[in-house]
N, C-alpha and C. Protein backbone atom coordinates (compact mmCIF):
# COMPACT_ATOMS: atom_id res chain seq x y z
N MET A 1 -10.56 67.97 -1.69
CA MET A 1 -11.41 66.89 -2.14
C MET A 1 -10.68 66.01 -3.16
N ILE A 2 -10.01 66.64 -4.09
CA ILE A 2 -9.28 65.89 -5.11
C ILE A 2 -8.11 65.14 -4.47
N ARG A 3 -7.47 65.78 -3.50
CA ARG A 3 -6.33 65.12 -2.82
C ARG A 3 -6.81 63.88 -2.08
N ARG A 4 -7.94 63.96 -1.42
CA ARG A 4 -8.48 62.79 -0.70
C ARG A 4 -8.83 61.67 -1.68
N SER A 5 -9.45 62.03 -2.76
CA SER A 5 -9.82 61.02 -3.76
C SER A 5 -8.58 60.37 -4.35
N LEU A 6 -7.57 61.15 -4.66
CA LEU A 6 -6.32 60.62 -5.19
C LEU A 6 -5.64 59.73 -4.16
N ALA A 7 -5.65 60.16 -2.91
CA ALA A 7 -5.06 59.35 -1.84
C ALA A 7 -5.78 58.02 -1.70
N ALA A 8 -7.10 58.03 -1.79
CA ALA A 8 -7.88 56.79 -1.71
C ALA A 8 -7.59 55.89 -2.89
N LEU A 9 -7.44 56.47 -4.07
CA LEU A 9 -7.13 55.68 -5.27
C LEU A 9 -5.75 55.04 -5.18
N ILE A 10 -4.85 55.68 -4.50
CA ILE A 10 -3.50 55.11 -4.33
C ILE A 10 -3.48 54.13 -3.16
N LEU A 11 -4.15 54.47 -2.08
CA LEU A 11 -4.11 53.65 -0.86
C LEU A 11 -4.79 52.29 -1.06
N GLY A 12 -5.93 52.27 -1.72
CA GLY A 12 -6.65 51.00 -1.92
C GLY A 12 -5.81 49.94 -2.61
N PRO A 13 -5.29 50.21 -3.81
CA PRO A 13 -4.43 49.21 -4.46
C PRO A 13 -3.16 48.91 -3.68
N SER A 14 -2.63 49.91 -2.98
CA SER A 14 -1.42 49.68 -2.17
C SER A 14 -1.69 48.67 -1.06
N LEU A 15 -2.84 48.79 -0.41
CA LEU A 15 -3.19 47.84 0.65
C LEU A 15 -3.46 46.45 0.07
N LEU A 16 -4.03 46.39 -1.12
CA LEU A 16 -4.24 45.10 -1.79
C LEU A 16 -2.90 44.44 -2.09
N VAL A 17 -1.97 45.19 -2.63
CA VAL A 17 -0.64 44.67 -2.93
C VAL A 17 0.06 44.24 -1.64
N ALA A 18 -0.12 45.02 -0.58
CA ALA A 18 0.48 44.66 0.72
C ALA A 18 -0.09 43.35 1.23
N SER A 19 -1.40 43.15 1.08
CA SER A 19 -2.03 41.90 1.52
C SER A 19 -1.51 40.71 0.72
N LEU A 20 -1.40 40.89 -0.58
CA LEU A 20 -0.87 39.81 -1.43
C LEU A 20 0.58 39.50 -1.08
N SER A 21 1.36 40.53 -0.83
CA SER A 21 2.76 40.33 -0.45
C SER A 21 2.86 39.60 0.88
N TRP A 22 2.02 39.97 1.82
CA TRP A 22 2.03 39.30 3.12
C TRP A 22 1.64 37.82 2.97
N SER A 23 0.64 37.55 2.16
CA SER A 23 0.23 36.16 1.92
C SER A 23 1.37 35.35 1.29
N GLY A 24 2.05 35.96 0.33
CA GLY A 24 3.20 35.30 -0.29
C GLY A 24 4.32 35.05 0.70
N PHE A 25 4.56 36.02 1.56
CA PHE A 25 5.59 35.87 2.59
C PHE A 25 5.26 34.72 3.52
N VAL A 26 4.02 34.65 3.95
CA VAL A 26 3.59 33.56 4.84
C VAL A 26 3.75 32.21 4.14
N ALA A 27 3.37 32.13 2.88
CA ALA A 27 3.51 30.87 2.13
C ALA A 27 4.98 30.47 2.02
N LEU A 28 5.85 31.43 1.78
CA LEU A 28 7.28 31.14 1.69
C LEU A 28 7.86 30.67 3.02
N GLN A 29 7.28 31.12 4.13
CA GLN A 29 7.78 30.74 5.45
C GLN A 29 7.17 29.44 5.95
N THR A 30 6.17 28.93 5.25
CA THR A 30 5.50 27.71 5.70
C THR A 30 5.64 26.61 4.65
N VAL A 31 4.67 26.47 3.78
CA VAL A 31 4.61 25.33 2.87
C VAL A 31 5.72 25.36 1.81
N PHE A 32 6.22 26.53 1.44
CA PHE A 32 7.27 26.61 0.43
C PHE A 32 8.67 26.69 1.03
N ASP A 33 8.81 26.42 2.30
CA ASP A 33 10.11 26.45 2.97
C ASP A 33 10.69 25.04 3.01
N PRO A 34 11.79 24.79 2.28
CA PRO A 34 12.36 23.44 2.26
C PRO A 34 12.90 22.99 3.62
N ASP A 35 13.19 23.91 4.51
CA ASP A 35 13.67 23.55 5.84
C ASP A 35 12.55 23.03 6.73
N ARG A 36 11.31 23.17 6.29
CA ARG A 36 10.16 22.71 7.08
C ARG A 36 9.57 21.42 6.54
N SER A 37 10.30 20.73 5.68
CA SER A 37 9.77 19.51 5.07
C SER A 37 9.37 18.47 6.12
N ARG A 38 10.16 18.34 7.15
CA ARG A 38 9.85 17.35 8.18
C ARG A 38 8.54 17.72 8.90
N GLU A 39 8.35 18.99 9.19
CA GLU A 39 7.11 19.42 9.85
C GLU A 39 5.90 19.20 8.94
N VAL A 40 6.08 19.47 7.65
CA VAL A 40 5.00 19.22 6.69
C VAL A 40 4.69 17.73 6.64
N ALA A 41 5.74 16.90 6.66
CA ALA A 41 5.54 15.45 6.64
C ALA A 41 4.77 14.99 7.88
N GLU A 42 5.09 15.54 9.03
CA GLU A 42 4.38 15.17 10.25
C GLU A 42 2.92 15.59 10.19
N GLU A 43 2.67 16.77 9.64
CA GLU A 43 1.28 17.23 9.48
C GLU A 43 0.52 16.31 8.52
N LEU A 44 1.17 15.91 7.44
CA LEU A 44 0.53 15.00 6.50
C LEU A 44 0.21 13.66 7.16
N LEU A 45 1.15 13.15 7.93
CA LEU A 45 0.93 11.85 8.58
C LEU A 45 -0.20 11.92 9.61
N ASP A 46 -0.44 13.09 10.17
CA ASP A 46 -1.54 13.27 11.12
C ASP A 46 -2.89 13.46 10.42
N ASN A 47 -2.87 13.69 9.11
CA ASN A 47 -4.09 13.90 8.33
C ASN A 47 -4.84 12.58 8.18
N ASP A 48 -6.14 12.58 8.48
CA ASP A 48 -6.93 11.35 8.44
C ASP A 48 -7.00 10.75 7.04
N GLU A 49 -7.12 11.58 6.01
CA GLU A 49 -7.21 11.06 4.65
C GLU A 49 -5.89 10.41 4.22
N VAL A 50 -4.78 11.01 4.58
CA VAL A 50 -3.47 10.44 4.23
C VAL A 50 -3.28 9.13 4.98
N ARG A 51 -3.63 9.10 6.27
CA ARG A 51 -3.51 7.86 7.06
C ARG A 51 -4.40 6.75 6.48
N ALA A 52 -5.61 7.12 6.04
CA ALA A 52 -6.50 6.12 5.46
C ALA A 52 -5.90 5.56 4.18
N GLN A 53 -5.32 6.42 3.35
CA GLN A 53 -4.70 5.94 2.11
C GLN A 53 -3.49 5.07 2.42
N LEU A 54 -2.68 5.47 3.38
CA LEU A 54 -1.51 4.66 3.76
C LEU A 54 -1.96 3.31 4.34
N THR A 55 -3.00 3.32 5.15
CA THR A 55 -3.52 2.07 5.71
C THR A 55 -4.00 1.16 4.59
N SER A 56 -4.69 1.73 3.62
CA SER A 56 -5.16 0.95 2.48
C SER A 56 -3.99 0.36 1.70
N ASN A 57 -2.96 1.17 1.46
CA ASN A 57 -1.79 0.69 0.73
C ASN A 57 -1.02 -0.36 1.53
N LEU A 58 -0.93 -0.16 2.84
CA LEU A 58 -0.30 -1.17 3.69
C LEU A 58 -1.10 -2.47 3.66
N GLY A 59 -2.43 -2.34 3.65
CA GLY A 59 -3.29 -3.53 3.56
C GLY A 59 -3.02 -4.31 2.29
N ALA A 60 -2.87 -3.60 1.18
CA ALA A 60 -2.56 -4.28 -0.09
C ALA A 60 -1.21 -4.97 -0.01
N ALA A 61 -0.23 -4.34 0.64
CA ALA A 61 1.09 -4.96 0.80
C ALA A 61 1.00 -6.19 1.70
N ILE A 62 0.19 -6.11 2.74
CA ILE A 62 0.02 -7.26 3.64
C ILE A 62 -0.62 -8.42 2.89
N GLU A 63 -1.67 -8.13 2.12
CA GLU A 63 -2.33 -9.19 1.36
C GLU A 63 -1.38 -9.86 0.38
N SER A 64 -0.50 -9.08 -0.22
CA SER A 64 0.44 -9.67 -1.18
C SER A 64 1.56 -10.43 -0.47
N ALA A 65 1.87 -10.07 0.78
CA ALA A 65 2.95 -10.72 1.52
C ALA A 65 2.51 -12.03 2.16
N VAL A 66 1.23 -12.14 2.48
CA VAL A 66 0.73 -13.34 3.15
C VAL A 66 0.44 -14.42 2.10
N PRO A 67 0.87 -15.65 2.39
CA PRO A 67 0.59 -16.73 1.43
C PRO A 67 -0.91 -16.91 1.20
N ASP A 68 -1.25 -17.40 0.02
CA ASP A 68 -2.66 -17.55 -0.36
C ASP A 68 -3.42 -18.52 0.53
N ASP A 69 -2.73 -19.50 1.12
CA ASP A 69 -3.43 -20.49 1.94
C ASP A 69 -3.76 -19.97 3.35
N VAL A 70 -3.32 -18.76 3.69
CA VAL A 70 -3.67 -18.15 4.98
C VAL A 70 -4.89 -17.27 4.75
N PRO A 71 -6.04 -17.64 5.35
CA PRO A 71 -7.25 -16.84 5.12
C PRO A 71 -7.20 -15.52 5.89
N LEU A 72 -7.45 -14.44 5.17
CA LEU A 72 -7.48 -13.11 5.78
C LEU A 72 -8.77 -12.42 5.37
N THR A 73 -9.47 -11.88 6.35
CA THR A 73 -10.65 -11.08 6.02
C THR A 73 -10.19 -9.62 5.83
N ALA A 74 -11.04 -8.84 5.22
CA ALA A 74 -10.71 -7.43 5.02
C ALA A 74 -10.53 -6.73 6.36
N GLU A 75 -11.32 -7.12 7.33
CA GLU A 75 -11.22 -6.53 8.67
C GLU A 75 -9.88 -6.85 9.31
N GLN A 76 -9.42 -8.09 9.16
CA GLN A 76 -8.13 -8.48 9.72
C GLN A 76 -6.98 -7.74 9.03
N VAL A 77 -7.10 -7.56 7.74
CA VAL A 77 -6.08 -6.82 7.00
C VAL A 77 -6.03 -5.38 7.50
N ASP A 78 -7.20 -4.77 7.72
CA ASP A 78 -7.25 -3.38 8.21
C ASP A 78 -6.62 -3.27 9.60
N VAL A 79 -6.91 -4.23 10.47
CA VAL A 79 -6.34 -4.21 11.82
C VAL A 79 -4.82 -4.37 11.76
N ALA A 80 -4.35 -5.28 10.90
CA ALA A 80 -2.91 -5.49 10.76
C ALA A 80 -2.24 -4.25 10.18
N ALA A 81 -2.87 -3.64 9.19
CA ALA A 81 -2.29 -2.44 8.57
C ALA A 81 -2.24 -1.29 9.57
N ALA A 82 -3.29 -1.14 10.37
CA ALA A 82 -3.30 -0.09 11.38
C ALA A 82 -2.21 -0.35 12.42
N GLY A 83 -2.00 -1.61 12.77
CA GLY A 83 -0.94 -1.95 13.71
C GLY A 83 0.44 -1.64 13.16
N VAL A 84 0.65 -1.93 11.90
CA VAL A 84 1.94 -1.64 11.27
C VAL A 84 2.17 -0.13 11.24
N LEU A 85 1.13 0.63 10.93
CA LEU A 85 1.25 2.08 10.83
C LEU A 85 1.59 2.71 12.18
N GLU A 86 1.25 2.05 13.27
CA GLU A 86 1.55 2.58 14.61
C GLU A 86 2.99 2.27 15.05
N ASP A 87 3.69 1.38 14.33
CA ASP A 87 5.06 1.04 14.68
C ASP A 87 5.97 2.26 14.45
N PRO A 88 6.76 2.66 15.45
CA PRO A 88 7.62 3.84 15.29
C PRO A 88 8.62 3.71 14.14
N ALA A 89 9.12 2.50 13.89
CA ALA A 89 10.08 2.33 12.78
C ALA A 89 9.40 2.54 11.44
N VAL A 90 8.17 2.04 11.29
CA VAL A 90 7.41 2.23 10.06
C VAL A 90 7.05 3.71 9.91
N GLU A 91 6.65 4.32 11.01
CA GLU A 91 6.32 5.74 10.99
C GLU A 91 7.53 6.56 10.55
N ALA A 92 8.72 6.20 11.02
CA ALA A 92 9.94 6.92 10.63
C ALA A 92 10.20 6.76 9.13
N LEU A 93 9.97 5.55 8.60
CA LEU A 93 10.15 5.34 7.16
C LEU A 93 9.15 6.18 6.36
N ILE A 94 7.91 6.21 6.81
CA ILE A 94 6.88 6.98 6.10
C ILE A 94 7.18 8.47 6.19
N LEU A 95 7.60 8.95 7.35
CA LEU A 95 7.96 10.36 7.50
C LEU A 95 9.11 10.73 6.57
N SER A 96 10.07 9.84 6.44
CA SER A 96 11.19 10.09 5.54
C SER A 96 10.70 10.18 4.09
N ALA A 97 9.79 9.30 3.71
CA ALA A 97 9.24 9.32 2.35
C ALA A 97 8.43 10.59 2.11
N LEU A 98 7.63 10.99 3.09
CA LEU A 98 6.84 12.21 2.95
C LEU A 98 7.74 13.45 2.93
N ASP A 99 8.82 13.42 3.67
CA ASP A 99 9.80 14.49 3.66
C ASP A 99 10.39 14.63 2.25
N SER A 100 10.75 13.51 1.64
CA SER A 100 11.27 13.52 0.27
C SER A 100 10.20 13.99 -0.71
N THR A 101 8.95 13.64 -0.44
CA THR A 101 7.85 14.07 -1.31
C THR A 101 7.69 15.58 -1.26
N HIS A 102 7.80 16.17 -0.08
CA HIS A 102 7.72 17.62 0.03
C HIS A 102 8.87 18.28 -0.72
N GLY A 103 10.06 17.68 -0.62
CA GLY A 103 11.19 18.19 -1.39
C GLY A 103 10.92 18.14 -2.88
N ALA A 104 10.30 17.07 -3.34
CA ALA A 104 9.94 16.96 -4.76
C ALA A 104 8.91 18.00 -5.14
N PHE A 105 7.98 18.29 -4.25
CA PHE A 105 6.98 19.33 -4.47
C PHE A 105 7.66 20.69 -4.68
N LEU A 106 8.77 20.90 -3.98
CA LEU A 106 9.50 22.15 -4.10
C LEU A 106 10.54 22.11 -5.22
N GLY A 107 10.55 21.02 -5.99
CA GLY A 107 11.47 20.91 -7.12
C GLY A 107 12.83 20.38 -6.77
N GLU A 108 12.97 19.79 -5.60
CA GLU A 108 14.26 19.24 -5.14
C GLU A 108 14.19 17.73 -5.14
N GLY A 109 14.52 17.12 -6.27
CA GLY A 109 14.51 15.67 -6.37
C GLY A 109 13.16 15.17 -6.87
N SER A 110 12.97 13.86 -6.73
CA SER A 110 11.71 13.26 -7.18
C SER A 110 11.04 12.55 -6.00
N ALA A 111 9.73 12.46 -6.09
CA ALA A 111 8.96 11.85 -5.01
C ALA A 111 9.09 10.33 -5.09
N PRO A 112 9.29 9.68 -3.95
CA PRO A 112 9.33 8.22 -3.98
C PRO A 112 7.94 7.67 -4.28
N THR A 113 7.89 6.61 -5.08
CA THR A 113 6.60 6.01 -5.43
C THR A 113 6.30 4.79 -4.59
N THR A 114 7.33 4.18 -4.04
CA THR A 114 7.13 3.02 -3.17
C THR A 114 7.99 3.18 -1.92
N LEU A 115 7.60 2.44 -0.90
CA LEU A 115 8.32 2.44 0.36
C LEU A 115 8.67 0.99 0.67
N SER A 116 9.95 0.72 0.82
CA SER A 116 10.40 -0.64 1.12
C SER A 116 10.37 -0.84 2.63
N LEU A 117 9.64 -1.87 3.06
CA LEU A 117 9.55 -2.18 4.48
C LEU A 117 10.56 -3.27 4.86
N GLY A 118 11.64 -3.35 4.12
CA GLY A 118 12.65 -4.38 4.36
C GLY A 118 13.17 -4.40 5.79
N SER A 119 13.38 -3.24 6.37
CA SER A 119 13.95 -3.18 7.71
C SER A 119 12.92 -3.42 8.81
N VAL A 120 11.65 -3.45 8.48
CA VAL A 120 10.61 -3.62 9.51
C VAL A 120 9.67 -4.79 9.19
N THR A 121 10.17 -5.77 8.40
CA THR A 121 9.29 -6.88 8.04
C THR A 121 8.90 -7.72 9.26
N GLU A 122 9.74 -7.76 10.27
CA GLU A 122 9.38 -8.53 11.47
C GLU A 122 8.21 -7.87 12.18
N SER A 123 8.20 -6.55 12.22
CA SER A 123 7.07 -5.82 12.80
C SER A 123 5.80 -6.08 11.98
N LEU A 124 5.96 -6.10 10.68
CA LEU A 124 4.83 -6.39 9.79
C LEU A 124 4.30 -7.79 10.07
N ARG A 125 5.19 -8.75 10.16
CA ARG A 125 4.80 -10.14 10.45
C ARG A 125 4.10 -10.23 11.81
N ALA A 126 4.63 -9.56 12.82
CA ALA A 126 4.03 -9.58 14.16
C ALA A 126 2.64 -8.95 14.14
N SER A 127 2.47 -7.91 13.37
CA SER A 127 1.17 -7.26 13.28
C SER A 127 0.15 -8.16 12.59
N ILE A 128 0.58 -8.88 11.59
CA ILE A 128 -0.32 -9.83 10.91
C ILE A 128 -0.73 -10.94 11.87
N ILE A 129 0.23 -11.47 12.60
CA ILE A 129 -0.07 -12.55 13.55
C ILE A 129 -0.97 -12.07 14.68
N GLU A 130 -0.78 -10.81 15.11
CA GLU A 130 -1.65 -10.25 16.14
C GLU A 130 -3.08 -10.14 15.64
N ALA A 131 -3.23 -9.76 14.38
CA ALA A 131 -4.58 -9.62 13.80
C ALA A 131 -5.19 -10.98 13.48
N VAL A 132 -4.35 -11.95 13.11
CA VAL A 132 -4.83 -13.29 12.74
C VAL A 132 -3.98 -14.31 13.51
N PRO A 133 -4.32 -14.58 14.77
CA PRO A 133 -3.49 -15.48 15.59
C PRO A 133 -3.32 -16.88 15.00
N GLN A 134 -4.32 -17.40 14.30
CA GLN A 134 -4.22 -18.73 13.73
C GLN A 134 -3.19 -18.80 12.59
N ALA A 135 -2.69 -17.68 12.14
CA ALA A 135 -1.73 -17.66 11.04
C ALA A 135 -0.29 -17.74 11.53
N GLU A 136 -0.09 -17.85 12.84
CA GLU A 136 1.26 -17.78 13.38
C GLU A 136 2.22 -18.79 12.76
N GLY A 137 1.84 -20.01 12.64
CA GLY A 137 2.74 -21.00 12.07
C GLY A 137 2.73 -21.02 10.56
N GLN A 138 1.81 -20.32 9.94
CA GLN A 138 1.68 -20.38 8.49
C GLN A 138 2.38 -19.26 7.76
N ILE A 139 2.79 -18.22 8.47
CA ILE A 139 3.44 -17.10 7.79
C ILE A 139 4.94 -17.27 7.92
N PRO A 140 5.61 -17.50 6.79
CA PRO A 140 7.07 -17.64 6.84
C PRO A 140 7.73 -16.28 7.04
N GLU A 141 9.04 -16.30 7.13
CA GLU A 141 9.77 -15.03 7.18
C GLU A 141 9.41 -14.25 5.92
N LEU A 142 9.10 -13.00 6.10
CA LEU A 142 8.70 -12.18 4.96
C LEU A 142 9.92 -11.62 4.26
N GLY A 143 9.86 -11.63 2.95
CA GLY A 143 10.89 -10.98 2.16
C GLY A 143 10.62 -9.50 2.12
N PRO A 144 11.33 -8.78 1.28
CA PRO A 144 11.08 -7.34 1.16
C PRO A 144 9.64 -7.06 0.74
N VAL A 145 9.02 -6.15 1.44
CA VAL A 145 7.64 -5.77 1.15
C VAL A 145 7.65 -4.32 0.67
N GLU A 146 7.01 -4.09 -0.46
CA GLU A 146 6.94 -2.75 -1.03
C GLU A 146 5.52 -2.21 -0.84
N VAL A 147 5.43 -0.98 -0.35
CA VAL A 147 4.14 -0.31 -0.19
C VAL A 147 4.10 0.83 -1.19
N THR A 148 3.03 0.88 -1.96
CA THR A 148 2.85 1.97 -2.91
C THR A 148 2.47 3.22 -2.15
N LEU A 149 3.14 4.31 -2.45
CA LEU A 149 2.85 5.59 -1.79
C LEU A 149 1.94 6.44 -2.68
N PRO A 150 1.03 7.19 -2.07
CA PRO A 150 0.13 8.04 -2.85
C PRO A 150 0.80 9.33 -3.31
N THR A 151 1.89 9.18 -4.07
CA THR A 151 2.65 10.35 -4.51
C THR A 151 2.69 10.50 -6.02
N ASP A 152 1.75 9.86 -6.70
CA ASP A 152 1.81 9.86 -8.16
C ASP A 152 1.39 11.18 -8.78
N ARG A 153 0.73 12.04 -8.03
CA ARG A 153 0.28 13.32 -8.59
C ARG A 153 0.86 14.51 -7.84
N ILE A 154 2.11 14.44 -7.49
CA ILE A 154 2.76 15.55 -6.78
C ILE A 154 3.20 16.59 -7.81
N PRO A 155 2.65 17.79 -7.74
CA PRO A 155 3.05 18.82 -8.71
C PRO A 155 4.41 19.41 -8.36
N ASN A 156 5.02 20.05 -9.32
CA ASN A 156 6.27 20.75 -9.09
C ASN A 156 5.93 22.22 -8.85
N ALA A 157 6.03 22.66 -7.62
CA ALA A 157 5.67 24.02 -7.26
C ALA A 157 6.86 24.97 -7.26
N SER A 158 8.00 24.51 -7.75
CA SER A 158 9.18 25.38 -7.73
C SER A 158 9.00 26.65 -8.55
N PRO A 159 8.28 26.63 -9.70
CA PRO A 159 8.08 27.91 -10.39
C PRO A 159 7.28 28.92 -9.56
N LEU A 160 6.27 28.44 -8.85
CA LEU A 160 5.49 29.33 -7.99
C LEU A 160 6.34 29.86 -6.84
N ARG A 161 7.15 28.99 -6.28
CA ARG A 161 8.03 29.40 -5.18
C ARG A 161 9.01 30.46 -5.66
N THR A 162 9.60 30.24 -6.83
CA THR A 162 10.54 31.21 -7.40
C THR A 162 9.84 32.54 -7.67
N PHE A 163 8.63 32.46 -8.21
CA PHE A 163 7.85 33.67 -8.48
C PHE A 163 7.61 34.45 -7.19
N LEU A 164 7.20 33.75 -6.14
CA LEU A 164 6.95 34.42 -4.85
C LEU A 164 8.23 35.02 -4.27
N GLN A 165 9.33 34.29 -4.40
CA GLN A 165 10.59 34.81 -3.88
C GLN A 165 10.98 36.12 -4.56
N ARG A 166 10.65 36.24 -5.83
CA ARG A 166 10.97 37.47 -6.56
C ARG A 166 9.96 38.58 -6.29
N MET A 167 8.69 38.22 -6.24
CA MET A 167 7.64 39.23 -6.22
C MET A 167 7.28 39.76 -4.83
N VAL A 168 7.47 38.97 -3.79
CA VAL A 168 7.10 39.42 -2.45
C VAL A 168 7.87 40.69 -2.05
N PRO A 169 9.19 40.73 -2.21
CA PRO A 169 9.88 41.98 -1.85
C PRO A 169 9.46 43.17 -2.73
N ILE A 170 9.27 42.90 -4.00
CA ILE A 170 8.85 43.98 -4.91
C ILE A 170 7.46 44.48 -4.52
N GLY A 171 6.54 43.55 -4.25
CA GLY A 171 5.20 43.93 -3.83
C GLY A 171 5.20 44.71 -2.53
N ALA A 172 6.02 44.29 -1.59
CA ALA A 172 6.11 45.01 -0.31
C ALA A 172 6.63 46.43 -0.52
N LEU A 173 7.62 46.56 -1.39
CA LEU A 173 8.18 47.89 -1.67
C LEU A 173 7.14 48.77 -2.36
N VAL A 174 6.46 48.23 -3.35
CA VAL A 174 5.42 48.98 -4.05
C VAL A 174 4.32 49.41 -3.08
N ALA A 175 3.90 48.48 -2.20
CA ALA A 175 2.86 48.80 -1.22
C ALA A 175 3.32 49.89 -0.27
N ALA A 176 4.56 49.81 0.19
CA ALA A 176 5.08 50.83 1.11
C ALA A 176 5.13 52.20 0.44
N ILE A 177 5.61 52.23 -0.79
CA ILE A 177 5.67 53.51 -1.52
C ILE A 177 4.26 54.06 -1.72
N GLY A 178 3.30 53.20 -2.06
CA GLY A 178 1.93 53.64 -2.26
C GLY A 178 1.31 54.19 -1.00
N VAL A 179 1.55 53.54 0.13
CA VAL A 179 0.99 54.01 1.40
C VAL A 179 1.60 55.35 1.78
N VAL A 180 2.91 55.47 1.62
CA VAL A 180 3.56 56.74 1.95
C VAL A 180 3.07 57.86 1.01
N ALA A 181 2.92 57.51 -0.25
CA ALA A 181 2.46 58.52 -1.22
C ALA A 181 1.01 58.94 -0.94
N ALA A 182 0.21 58.01 -0.48
CA ALA A 182 -1.20 58.33 -0.21
C ALA A 182 -1.28 59.25 0.99
């Protein structure tokens, strides 16, 4: 009876430690893995809230790029911003920025705060003209356009990552010893 009770007292915490170690291992292989930054960036770009924020920020950039004498409604700005976001070149720029942001999250560098659309301004101009056809002759060649990225509150998770890298093997060992002892 005492042996069973002692075994249960050892086994319960051992299984808890094993579960925590497994969770840490999974986190290290997914979100805390710097080699998966591109996959994380793609997942973020597929997120509706992130896309909505990027569309809003692109809309602000479009409004600032279009001359004041060209009338734009909020709906036209949204259509133009959505069109720009669908451009593969713009998507590649955003993915690169999100990739860098994930690296900053892991403590590797700093997150970009703006995205320069210098290389895709013609796509931006075409998207504006598609949304507002009457603006075709009124929009000059666009200069560099900067889009603010929603990266102002990116935490530095490198201490947590370092902690997990140290503690997961120790936790797994402790759990294994506890299970064997039980």
